N, C-alpha and C. Protein backbone atom coordinates (compact mmCIF):
# COMPACT_ATOMS: atom_id res chain seq x y z
N MET A 1 46.15 67.51 102.93
CA MET A 1 46.59 68.13 101.97
C MET A 1 47.81 67.77 101.34
N SER A 2 48.71 67.72 100.52
CA SER A 2 49.64 67.06 100.23
C SER A 2 50.65 68.14 100.09
N ASN A 3 51.41 68.39 100.59
CA ASN A 3 53.04 69.38 100.15
C ASN A 3 53.01 68.64 98.36
N THR A 4 53.04 67.95 97.83
CA THR A 4 53.29 68.44 96.70
C THR A 4 51.91 69.28 96.03
N LEU A 5 50.75 68.62 96.37
CA LEU A 5 49.53 69.39 95.53
C LEU A 5 49.49 70.89 96.56
N LYS A 6 50.11 70.98 97.16
CA LYS A 6 49.92 72.63 97.69
C LYS A 6 50.36 73.54 96.98
N ILE A 7 51.75 72.75 96.70
CA ILE A 7 52.97 74.08 95.66
C ILE A 7 52.69 73.88 94.10
N ILE A 8 51.89 72.37 93.33
CA ILE A 8 51.10 72.86 92.57
C ILE A 8 50.06 73.46 92.66
N LEU A 9 48.81 73.60 93.33
CA LEU A 9 48.29 74.59 93.50
C LEU A 9 48.48 75.92 93.79
N SER A 10 49.51 76.06 94.65
CA SER A 10 49.51 77.87 94.35
C SER A 10 50.62 78.05 93.10
N LYS A 11 51.30 77.23 92.51
CA LYS A 11 52.05 77.82 91.26
C LYS A 11 50.29 78.14 90.34
N ILE A 12 49.68 77.07 89.97
CA ILE A 12 48.86 77.60 89.24
C ILE A 12 48.33 78.50 89.19
N LEU A 13 47.36 79.10 91.16
CA LEU A 13 47.17 80.25 91.36
C LEU A 13 48.45 81.99 90.67
N ILE A 14 49.58 81.43 90.78
CA ILE A 14 50.96 82.49 90.56
C ILE A 14 50.68 82.39 89.17
N VAL A 15 50.39 81.46 88.13
CA VAL A 15 49.86 81.82 86.27
C VAL A 15 48.68 82.70 86.13
N LEU A 16 47.64 82.55 87.20
CA LEU A 16 46.51 83.06 86.86
C LEU A 16 46.59 84.07 86.87
N LEU A 17 47.39 84.48 88.51
CA LEU A 17 47.01 86.08 88.62
C LEU A 17 48.39 86.77 87.06
N PHE A 18 49.19 86.20 86.66
CA PHE A 18 50.13 86.80 86.00
C PHE A 18 49.62 86.70 84.87
N ILE A 19 48.59 85.95 84.45
CA ILE A 19 48.22 85.79 83.00
C ILE A 19 47.07 87.19 83.23
N SER A 20 45.85 87.22 83.62
CA SER A 20 45.21 88.35 84.27
C SER A 20 45.13 89.46 84.47
N CYS A 21 46.63 89.81 85.34
CA CYS A 21 46.59 90.87 85.28
C CYS A 21 47.87 91.49 84.03
N SER A 22 48.45 90.55 83.44
CA SER A 22 49.38 91.32 82.08
C SER A 22 48.98 91.78 80.90
N SER A 23 47.33 91.68 81.19
CA SER A 23 46.71 91.76 79.65
C SER A 23 46.84 93.14 79.28
N VAL A 24 46.62 93.17 78.32
CA VAL A 24 47.25 94.59 77.57
C VAL A 24 46.25 95.04 77.06
N LYS A 25 45.91 96.29 78.07
CA LYS A 25 44.10 96.98 77.57
C LYS A 25 44.06 97.76 76.31
N ILE A 26 43.64 97.66 75.60
CA ILE A 26 43.16 98.12 74.30
C ILE A 26 42.37 99.66 74.45
N LEU A 27 42.62 101.15 74.16
CA LEU A 27 42.06 102.28 74.23
C LEU A 27 42.67 103.10 72.86
N LYS A 28 41.33 103.44 72.25
CA LYS A 28 41.60 104.11 71.21
C LYS A 28 42.08 105.38 71.82
N GLN A 29 43.01 106.07 71.34
CA GLN A 29 43.22 107.63 71.08
C GLN A 29 42.89 108.40 69.94
N ASP A 30 42.53 109.80 69.88
CA ASP A 30 42.14 110.11 68.65
C ASP A 30 43.36 110.32 67.69
N ASN A 31 42.94 110.11 66.55
CA ASN A 31 43.81 109.88 65.24
C ASN A 31 44.78 109.01 64.95
N SER A 32 44.96 108.43 66.61
CA SER A 32 45.72 106.94 66.48
C SER A 32 44.65 105.71 65.68
N SER A 33 46.26 105.38 64.92
CA SER A 33 45.77 104.08 64.40
C SER A 33 46.32 102.76 64.98
N ILE A 34 45.54 101.42 65.23
CA ILE A 34 46.31 100.27 65.61
C ILE A 34 46.97 98.92 64.27
N ILE A 35 47.69 97.81 64.94
CA ILE A 35 48.49 97.89 64.12
C ILE A 35 48.38 96.19 65.10
N ALA A 36 47.98 94.83 64.48
CA ALA A 36 48.02 93.90 65.00
C ALA A 36 48.62 92.55 64.04
N ILE A 37 49.13 91.82 64.72
CA ILE A 37 49.44 90.75 64.14
C ILE A 37 49.68 89.36 65.06
N SER A 38 49.64 88.62 64.28
CA SER A 38 49.31 87.00 65.24
C SER A 38 50.36 85.37 64.37
N ALA A 39 50.87 84.72 65.24
CA ALA A 39 51.75 83.81 65.28
C ALA A 39 51.83 82.88 66.10
N THR A 40 52.36 81.63 65.49
CA THR A 40 52.52 80.47 66.44
C THR A 40 53.94 79.82 66.15
N SER A 41 54.49 78.72 66.55
CA SER A 41 55.57 78.62 65.94
C SER A 41 56.35 77.10 66.64
N SER A 42 56.34 76.28 66.11
CA SER A 42 56.78 75.03 66.89
C SER A 42 58.90 74.40 66.19
N GLY A 43 58.88 73.38 66.91
CA GLY A 43 60.10 72.98 66.76
C GLY A 43 61.12 71.84 67.67
N LEU A 44 61.32 71.04 67.02
CA LEU A 44 61.58 70.13 68.02
C LEU A 44 61.17 70.06 69.30
N GLY A 45 59.59 68.88 69.19
CA GLY A 45 59.17 69.35 70.52
C GLY A 45 58.83 70.58 71.73
N ALA A 46 58.80 71.70 70.81
CA ALA A 46 58.98 73.20 71.47
C ALA A 46 57.71 74.16 70.80
N LYS A 47 56.72 74.77 71.72
CA LYS A 47 55.71 75.25 71.23
C LYS A 47 56.21 76.65 71.64
N GLY A 48 55.63 78.23 70.57
CA GLY A 48 55.53 79.19 70.88
C GLY A 48 54.76 79.98 70.58
N PHE A 49 54.19 80.87 70.89
CA PHE A 49 52.48 81.66 71.16
C PHE A 49 53.39 82.98 70.91
N GLY A 50 52.94 83.74 70.29
CA GLY A 50 52.77 85.18 69.33
C GLY A 50 54.07 85.42 69.04
N ILE A 51 54.96 86.94 68.41
CA ILE A 51 55.26 88.14 68.09
C ILE A 51 55.53 88.84 68.48
N LEU A 52 56.62 89.24 68.62
CA LEU A 52 56.49 90.14 68.56
C LEU A 52 57.17 91.43 67.72
N ILE A 53 56.82 92.99 67.31
CA ILE A 53 57.71 93.84 65.87
C ILE A 53 57.78 94.83 66.30
N THR A 54 58.93 95.29 65.56
CA THR A 54 59.32 96.55 66.37
C THR A 54 59.34 97.46 65.50
N MET A 55 58.50 98.80 65.04
CA MET A 55 58.47 99.77 63.99
C MET A 55 59.59 101.14 64.23
N VAL A 56 59.67 101.40 63.64
CA VAL A 56 59.72 102.41 63.02
C VAL A 56 59.41 103.70 62.41
N LYS A 57 58.90 104.94 62.62
CA LYS A 57 58.51 106.08 62.10
C LYS A 57 59.98 106.67 61.27
N ILE A 58 59.75 106.42 59.61
CA ILE A 58 61.01 106.82 58.63
C ILE A 58 61.42 108.19 58.91
N ASP A 59 60.72 109.73 59.20
CA ASP A 59 61.14 110.70 59.16
C ASP A 59 61.44 110.80 60.79
N THR A 60 61.06 110.69 62.06
CA THR A 60 61.21 111.40 62.88
C THR A 60 62.05 110.37 63.42
N HIS A 61 62.53 108.92 63.72
CA HIS A 61 63.02 107.38 63.39
C HIS A 61 62.43 106.71 64.96
N GLU A 62 61.32 107.86 65.40
CA GLU A 62 60.19 106.98 66.59
C GLU A 62 60.32 105.39 66.76
N ILE A 63 60.16 104.86 67.74
CA ILE A 63 60.28 103.05 67.55
C ILE A 63 58.55 102.88 68.29
N TYR A 64 58.67 101.93 67.62
CA TYR A 64 56.73 101.47 68.20
C TYR A 64 57.05 100.08 68.33
N LYS A 65 56.73 99.89 69.45
CA LYS A 65 57.01 98.35 69.80
C LYS A 65 55.40 97.44 70.00
N SER A 66 55.59 96.37 69.75
CA SER A 66 53.88 96.21 69.71
C SER A 66 53.95 94.73 71.15
N GLU A 67 53.06 94.95 71.49
CA GLU A 67 52.63 93.77 73.11
C GLU A 67 51.89 93.08 72.63
N SER A 68 52.16 92.00 73.87
CA SER A 68 51.90 90.57 73.44
C SER A 68 50.40 90.81 74.01
N LEU A 69 49.03 90.44 73.81
CA LEU A 69 48.02 90.78 74.18
C LEU A 69 47.53 90.08 76.01
N SER A 70 48.52 88.73 76.00
CA SER A 70 48.94 88.20 77.21
C SER A 70 49.67 87.03 76.90
N PRO A 71 51.02 86.98 78.17
CA PRO A 71 51.80 85.64 78.43
C PRO A 71 51.68 84.47 77.22
N VAL A 72 50.44 84.46 77.22
CA VAL A 72 50.25 82.85 76.11
C VAL A 72 49.39 83.48 74.45
N SER A 73 49.28 84.60 74.27
CA SER A 73 48.43 84.81 73.19
C SER A 73 49.13 84.77 72.03
N ALA A 74 48.30 84.27 70.90
CA ALA A 74 48.99 84.55 69.85
C ALA A 74 49.01 85.34 68.79
N HIS A 75 48.50 86.32 69.48
CA HIS A 75 48.72 88.22 69.09
C HIS A 75 49.35 89.24 69.47
N SER A 76 49.99 90.09 69.13
CA SER A 76 50.39 91.50 69.17
C SER A 76 49.59 92.47 68.99
N VAL A 77 49.66 93.36 69.78
CA VAL A 77 49.26 94.98 68.88
C VAL A 77 50.47 96.30 69.50
N ILE A 78 50.47 96.85 68.08
CA ILE A 78 51.10 98.21 68.23
C ILE A 78 49.52 99.10 68.48
N GLN A 79 49.82 100.03 68.98
CA GLN A 79 48.09 100.78 69.66
C GLN A 79 48.47 101.88 69.75
N ASN A 80 47.55 103.15 69.23
CA ASN A 80 48.04 104.39 68.94
C ASN A 80 49.40 104.67 68.37
N ILE A 81 49.35 104.20 67.33
CA ILE A 81 50.85 104.69 66.42
C ILE A 81 49.88 105.69 65.45
N PRO A 82 50.77 106.46 65.31
CA PRO A 82 50.62 107.80 64.77
C PRO A 82 50.77 107.92 63.51
N PRO A 83 50.18 108.22 62.54
CA PRO A 83 50.29 108.59 60.97
C PRO A 83 51.26 109.10 60.60
N GLY A 84 51.73 108.24 59.32
CA GLY A 84 53.09 108.48 58.96
C GLY A 84 54.16 107.16 58.50
N LYS A 85 55.01 107.42 57.66
CA LYS A 85 56.10 105.82 56.88
C LYS A 85 56.72 105.07 57.84
N TYR A 86 56.16 104.38 58.09
CA TYR A 86 57.27 102.89 58.38
C TYR A 86 57.50 101.82 58.37
N ILE A 87 58.54 101.51 58.96
CA ILE A 87 59.32 99.93 58.37
C ILE A 87 59.47 98.81 59.42
N VAL A 88 59.29 97.50 59.32
CA VAL A 88 59.30 96.95 60.18
C VAL A 88 61.19 96.83 60.56
N GLN A 89 61.39 96.99 61.62
CA GLN A 89 62.53 97.11 61.94
C GLN A 89 63.32 95.77 62.17
N LYS A 90 62.09 94.77 63.08
CA LYS A 90 62.69 93.52 64.06
C LYS A 90 61.51 92.91 63.95
N VAL A 91 62.12 91.54 64.00
CA VAL A 91 60.51 90.89 64.71
C VAL A 91 61.30 89.89 65.56
N GLU A 92 60.45 89.10 66.93
CA GLU A 92 61.08 88.32 67.74
C GLU A 92 60.42 87.16 67.60
N MET A 93 60.78 85.71 68.42
CA MET A 93 59.70 85.19 68.50
C MET A 93 60.21 84.10 69.31
N PRO A 94 59.30 83.70 69.96
CA PRO A 94 59.74 83.32 71.27
C PRO A 94 59.12 81.06 70.89
N VAL A 95 60.26 80.27 71.14
CA VAL A 95 59.84 78.74 70.55
C VAL A 95 60.30 77.97 72.07
N GLY A 96 59.54 77.89 72.96
CA GLY A 96 59.92 76.81 74.56
C GLY A 96 60.53 78.30 74.77
N ASN A 97 61.94 77.96 75.38
CA ASN A 97 62.55 79.38 76.39
C ASN A 97 63.16 79.83 75.60
N LEU A 98 63.84 79.66 74.07
CA LEU A 98 64.39 80.49 73.39
C LEU A 98 63.97 81.93 72.69
N ILE A 99 64.04 82.75 72.20
CA ILE A 99 63.76 83.94 71.75
C ILE A 99 64.20 84.01 69.94
N TYR A 100 63.75 83.65 68.89
CA TYR A 100 64.30 83.82 67.88
C TYR A 100 64.13 85.56 67.36
N SER A 101 64.87 86.00 66.68
CA SER A 101 65.05 87.64 66.57
C SER A 101 65.61 87.82 65.32
N ASN A 102 65.22 88.59 64.44
CA ASN A 102 65.80 89.01 63.43
C ASN A 102 65.55 90.68 62.90
N TRP A 103 66.82 91.41 63.20
CA TRP A 103 66.60 92.83 62.86
C TRP A 103 67.43 93.20 61.63
N SER A 104 67.72 92.23 60.67
CA SER A 104 68.70 92.80 59.61
C SER A 104 67.25 93.43 58.60
N ASP A 105 68.20 93.49 57.02
CA ASP A 105 67.89 94.17 56.29
C ASP A 105 66.30 93.12 55.59
N SER A 106 66.78 92.39 55.64
CA SER A 106 65.81 91.36 55.38
C SER A 106 64.29 91.10 55.74
N VAL A 107 64.49 91.76 57.17
CA VAL A 107 62.96 92.25 57.58
C VAL A 107 62.23 93.39 57.05
N LYS A 108 63.06 94.85 56.95
CA LYS A 108 62.76 95.52 56.43
C LYS A 108 62.10 95.26 55.03
N THR A 109 63.13 94.76 54.15
CA THR A 109 61.84 94.49 52.56
C THR A 109 60.88 92.99 52.92
N TYR A 110 61.89 92.24 53.65
CA TYR A 110 60.37 91.77 53.76
C TYR A 110 58.71 92.27 54.14
N PHE A 111 58.64 92.70 54.75
CA PHE A 111 57.67 94.07 54.97
C PHE A 111 57.13 95.30 54.60
N GLY A 112 58.47 95.95 53.77
CA GLY A 112 58.27 96.65 52.96
C GLY A 112 58.18 98.06 53.47
N GLN A 113 57.22 98.99 53.17
CA GLN A 113 56.94 100.22 53.65
C GLN A 113 56.05 100.33 53.92
N ILE A 114 55.56 100.52 55.23
CA ILE A 114 53.95 100.54 56.09
C ILE A 114 53.23 102.25 55.89
N ASP A 115 52.44 102.21 55.22
CA ASP A 115 51.76 104.02 55.18
C ASP A 115 50.93 103.67 56.84
N ILE A 116 50.85 104.06 57.31
CA ILE A 116 49.95 104.49 58.17
C ILE A 116 48.98 105.60 58.12
N GLU A 117 47.35 105.36 57.69
CA GLU A 117 46.63 106.63 58.08
C GLU A 117 45.82 106.93 59.27
N PRO A 118 45.43 107.96 59.51
CA PRO A 118 44.65 108.22 61.30
C PRO A 118 43.72 107.68 61.20
N ASN A 119 43.25 106.94 62.10
CA ASN A 119 42.15 106.60 63.17
C ASN A 119 41.95 105.16 62.07
N SER A 120 43.03 104.33 61.41
CA SER A 120 42.79 103.12 60.97
C SER A 120 43.04 101.87 61.68
N LYS A 121 42.92 100.91 61.05
CA LYS A 121 42.84 99.15 61.93
C LYS A 121 43.75 98.60 60.82
N TYR A 122 44.80 97.73 61.19
CA TYR A 122 45.74 97.40 60.23
C TYR A 122 45.91 95.49 60.57
N TYR A 123 45.62 94.74 59.78
CA TYR A 123 46.37 93.51 60.10
C TYR A 123 47.77 92.97 59.37
N LEU A 124 48.65 92.41 60.24
CA LEU A 124 49.94 92.17 59.23
C LEU A 124 50.04 90.57 58.85
N GLY A 125 49.45 90.25 59.49
CA GLY A 125 48.48 88.36 59.11
C GLY A 125 48.98 88.16 59.97
N ASP A 126 48.61 86.00 59.97
CA ASP A 126 48.88 85.31 60.86
C ASP A 126 49.90 84.18 60.52
N PHE A 127 51.28 84.20 61.03
CA PHE A 127 52.40 83.65 60.57
C PHE A 127 52.74 82.70 61.63
N THR A 128 53.20 81.42 60.99
CA THR A 128 53.73 80.40 61.31
C THR A 128 55.17 79.99 61.58
N GLY A 129 55.50 79.70 62.85
CA GLY A 129 57.29 79.97 62.53
C GLY A 129 57.67 78.40 62.87
N THR A 130 58.19 78.14 61.71
CA THR A 130 59.02 76.29 62.01
C THR A 130 60.05 76.24 62.26
N ARG A 131 61.08 75.57 63.46
CA ARG A 131 62.05 75.34 63.82
C ARG A 131 63.07 74.76 62.88
N GLU A 132 63.64 74.90 62.12
CA GLU A 132 64.70 74.43 61.65
C GLU A 132 65.90 73.62 62.19
N THR A 133 66.38 72.27 61.58
CA THR A 133 67.42 72.13 62.36
C THR A 133 68.43 71.53 62.15
N GLY A 134 70.14 71.96 62.10
CA GLY A 134 71.00 71.69 60.89
C GLY A 134 72.06 72.27 61.84
N SER A 135 73.02 73.33 60.82
CA SER A 135 73.76 73.35 61.36
C SER A 135 73.86 75.13 62.45
N LYS A 136 72.52 75.27 62.08
CA LYS A 136 72.12 76.38 62.73
C LYS A 136 70.99 76.37 62.52
N ASN A 137 70.21 77.23 63.83
CA ASN A 137 68.90 76.95 64.42
C ASN A 137 68.15 77.66 63.57
N VAL A 138 67.18 77.69 62.58
CA VAL A 138 66.40 78.34 61.89
C VAL A 138 65.04 78.50 62.65
N LEU A 139 64.64 79.71 62.59
CA LEU A 139 62.85 79.64 62.63
C LEU A 139 62.62 80.19 61.29
N ARG A 140 61.66 79.77 60.11
CA ARG A 140 61.17 79.87 59.30
C ARG A 140 59.63 80.11 59.43
N LEU A 141 59.59 81.77 58.92
CA LEU A 141 58.06 81.97 58.95
C LEU A 141 57.67 82.29 57.89
N LYS A 142 55.82 82.04 57.83
CA LYS A 142 55.30 81.96 56.85
C LYS A 142 53.89 82.52 57.56
N ILE A 143 53.20 82.67 55.93
CA ILE A 143 51.99 83.63 56.72
C ILE A 143 51.16 82.32 56.09
N LYS A 144 50.11 82.45 57.45
CA LYS A 144 49.38 80.98 57.47
C LYS A 144 48.04 81.44 56.66
N ASN A 145 48.15 82.76 57.12
CA ASN A 145 46.39 83.29 57.17
C ASN A 145 46.59 85.01 56.82
N GLN A 146 45.84 85.75 56.19
CA GLN A 146 45.97 87.02 56.07
C GLN A 146 44.52 87.69 56.84
N GLU A 147 43.66 86.91 56.98
CA GLU A 147 42.51 87.16 57.68
C GLU A 147 43.00 87.73 59.26
N ILE A 148 42.28 88.47 60.10
CA ILE A 148 42.36 88.49 61.32
C ILE A 148 41.55 88.07 61.68
N PRO A 149 41.73 86.53 62.87
CA PRO A 149 41.25 85.92 63.77
C PRO A 149 39.95 86.51 64.26
N GLU A 150 38.80 85.53 64.39
CA GLU A 150 37.44 86.48 65.02
C GLU A 150 37.62 87.29 66.63
N GLY A 151 38.74 85.92 67.11
CA GLY A 151 38.66 86.67 68.74
C GLY A 151 39.41 87.69 68.66
N LEU A 152 40.92 87.84 67.67
CA LEU A 152 41.40 89.11 67.88
C LEU A 152 40.56 90.03 67.81
N ARG A 153 39.87 90.13 67.01
CA ARG A 153 38.97 91.17 66.26
C ARG A 153 38.19 91.80 67.27
N GLU A 154 37.70 90.59 68.30
CA GLU A 154 36.80 91.08 69.54
C GLU A 154 37.65 91.57 70.38
N LYS A 155 38.50 91.10 70.41
CA LYS A 155 39.58 92.32 71.45
C LYS A 155 39.73 93.50 70.91
N ILE A 156 39.66 94.16 69.83
CA ILE A 156 39.78 94.93 69.72
C ILE A 156 38.87 96.73 69.41
N GLU A 157 37.53 95.64 68.31
CA GLU A 157 36.28 95.94 68.42
C GLU A 157 35.29 96.04 69.17
N ASN A 158 35.16 96.20 70.28
CA ASN A 158 34.02 96.36 71.39
C ASN A 158 34.51 98.07 72.36
N GLU A 159 33.03 97.97 72.84
CA GLU A 159 32.55 99.47 73.07
C GLU A 159 33.68 99.96 74.63
N LYS A 160 34.21 99.06 74.92
CA LYS A 160 35.74 99.36 75.71
C LYS A 160 36.46 99.85 75.26
N THR A 161 36.81 99.36 73.87
CA THR A 161 37.91 100.32 73.62
C THR A 161 38.34 100.94 72.67
N GLY A 162 36.86 101.80 72.22
CA GLY A 162 36.28 103.29 71.14
C GLY A 162 36.99 102.48 70.36
N TRP A 163 36.97 101.52 69.58
CA TRP A 163 37.54 100.89 68.29
C TRP A 163 36.17 100.14 67.35
N LEU A 164 35.23 100.87 66.15
CA LEU A 164 34.58 100.50 66.10
C LEU A 164 34.39 98.97 65.22
N LYS A 165 33.56 98.52 64.73
CA LYS A 165 33.26 97.59 64.01
C LYS A 165 33.69 98.05 62.61
N GLY A 166 34.43 96.95 61.69
CA GLY A 166 34.46 97.38 59.83
C GLY A 166 35.52 96.61 59.59
N ASP A 167 36.32 97.15 58.74
CA ASP A 167 37.18 96.74 57.96
C ASP A 167 38.67 96.32 58.63
N PHE A 168 39.57 96.19 58.41
CA PHE A 168 40.93 95.24 58.88
C PHE A 168 41.57 95.88 57.78
N ILE A 169 42.62 96.56 57.55
CA ILE A 169 43.61 97.03 56.42
C ILE A 169 44.00 95.92 56.23
N ASN A 170 45.03 95.21 55.21
CA ASN A 170 45.55 94.02 55.12
C ASN A 170 46.64 94.40 54.62
N LEU A 171 47.80 94.28 55.92
CA LEU A 171 49.15 94.62 55.32
C LEU A 171 50.29 93.50 55.38
N SER A 172 49.23 91.96 54.82
CA SER A 172 50.55 91.14 54.59
C SER A 172 50.96 90.73 53.89
N PRO A 173 51.95 90.04 54.33
CA PRO A 173 53.22 90.50 52.69
C PRO A 173 52.31 89.67 51.67
N GLY A 174 52.28 90.24 50.63
CA GLY A 174 52.02 89.90 49.33
C GLY A 174 52.67 88.38 48.39
N ASN A 175 54.27 88.40 48.83
CA ASN A 175 54.60 87.41 48.46
C ASN A 175 54.23 86.59 49.66
N ASN A 176 54.77 84.82 49.16
CA ASN A 176 54.77 83.86 50.15
C ASN A 176 55.86 83.34 50.29
N GLU A 177 56.89 84.21 50.69
CA GLU A 177 58.25 83.72 50.84
C GLU A 177 58.42 83.22 52.39
N ALA A 178 59.38 83.13 52.76
CA ALA A 178 59.71 82.68 54.21
C ALA A 178 60.62 83.69 54.54
N LEU A 179 60.73 83.97 56.01
CA LEU A 179 61.73 84.97 56.73
C LEU A 179 61.91 84.54 57.46
N LEU A 180 63.47 84.43 57.81
CA LEU A 180 64.42 83.50 58.07
C LEU A 180 64.34 84.57 59.63
N VAL A 181 63.69 83.84 60.83
CA VAL A 181 64.02 84.15 62.23
C VAL A 181 65.22 83.59 63.00
N TYR A 182 66.49 84.51 63.00
CA TYR A 182 67.73 83.34 63.96
C TYR A 182 67.26 83.57 65.29
């Protein structure tokens, strides 16, 4: 076997190990809820998978960050989030080797106040981001679909996670306006 082939195979093995070892384990805890969100992005020949959000509980200022289900997943979750009133403080999206983020007031306004009830499942939507060219690089984030993808539903609702099958509460922003992420 040539050295080049050995190097390629070893890199593939490392990537597969990384992907299999870094998957989020979803487990329900008493009285807590789960929030899921999805996104893909593209622009100037680069692709991106996933979106990360940071939420803040309004009365206690506790911070909750979503975790990607795997390094190449379009989906992320905040699991075991306690009941209360929240705002989305920050949005981060990878495109190629860049990470775009927005933590301005426009993020809070875009998502609005989110009320989390105990033992509930929420979905913020499936977004698509398009990178624009010009004097400043901007990722234009829009809702592609408000329904939770079946594959994500199956990862959350199964006998190992403790989440029962049933409806997800749709928290997708009602307007079809774009959120700019820089």
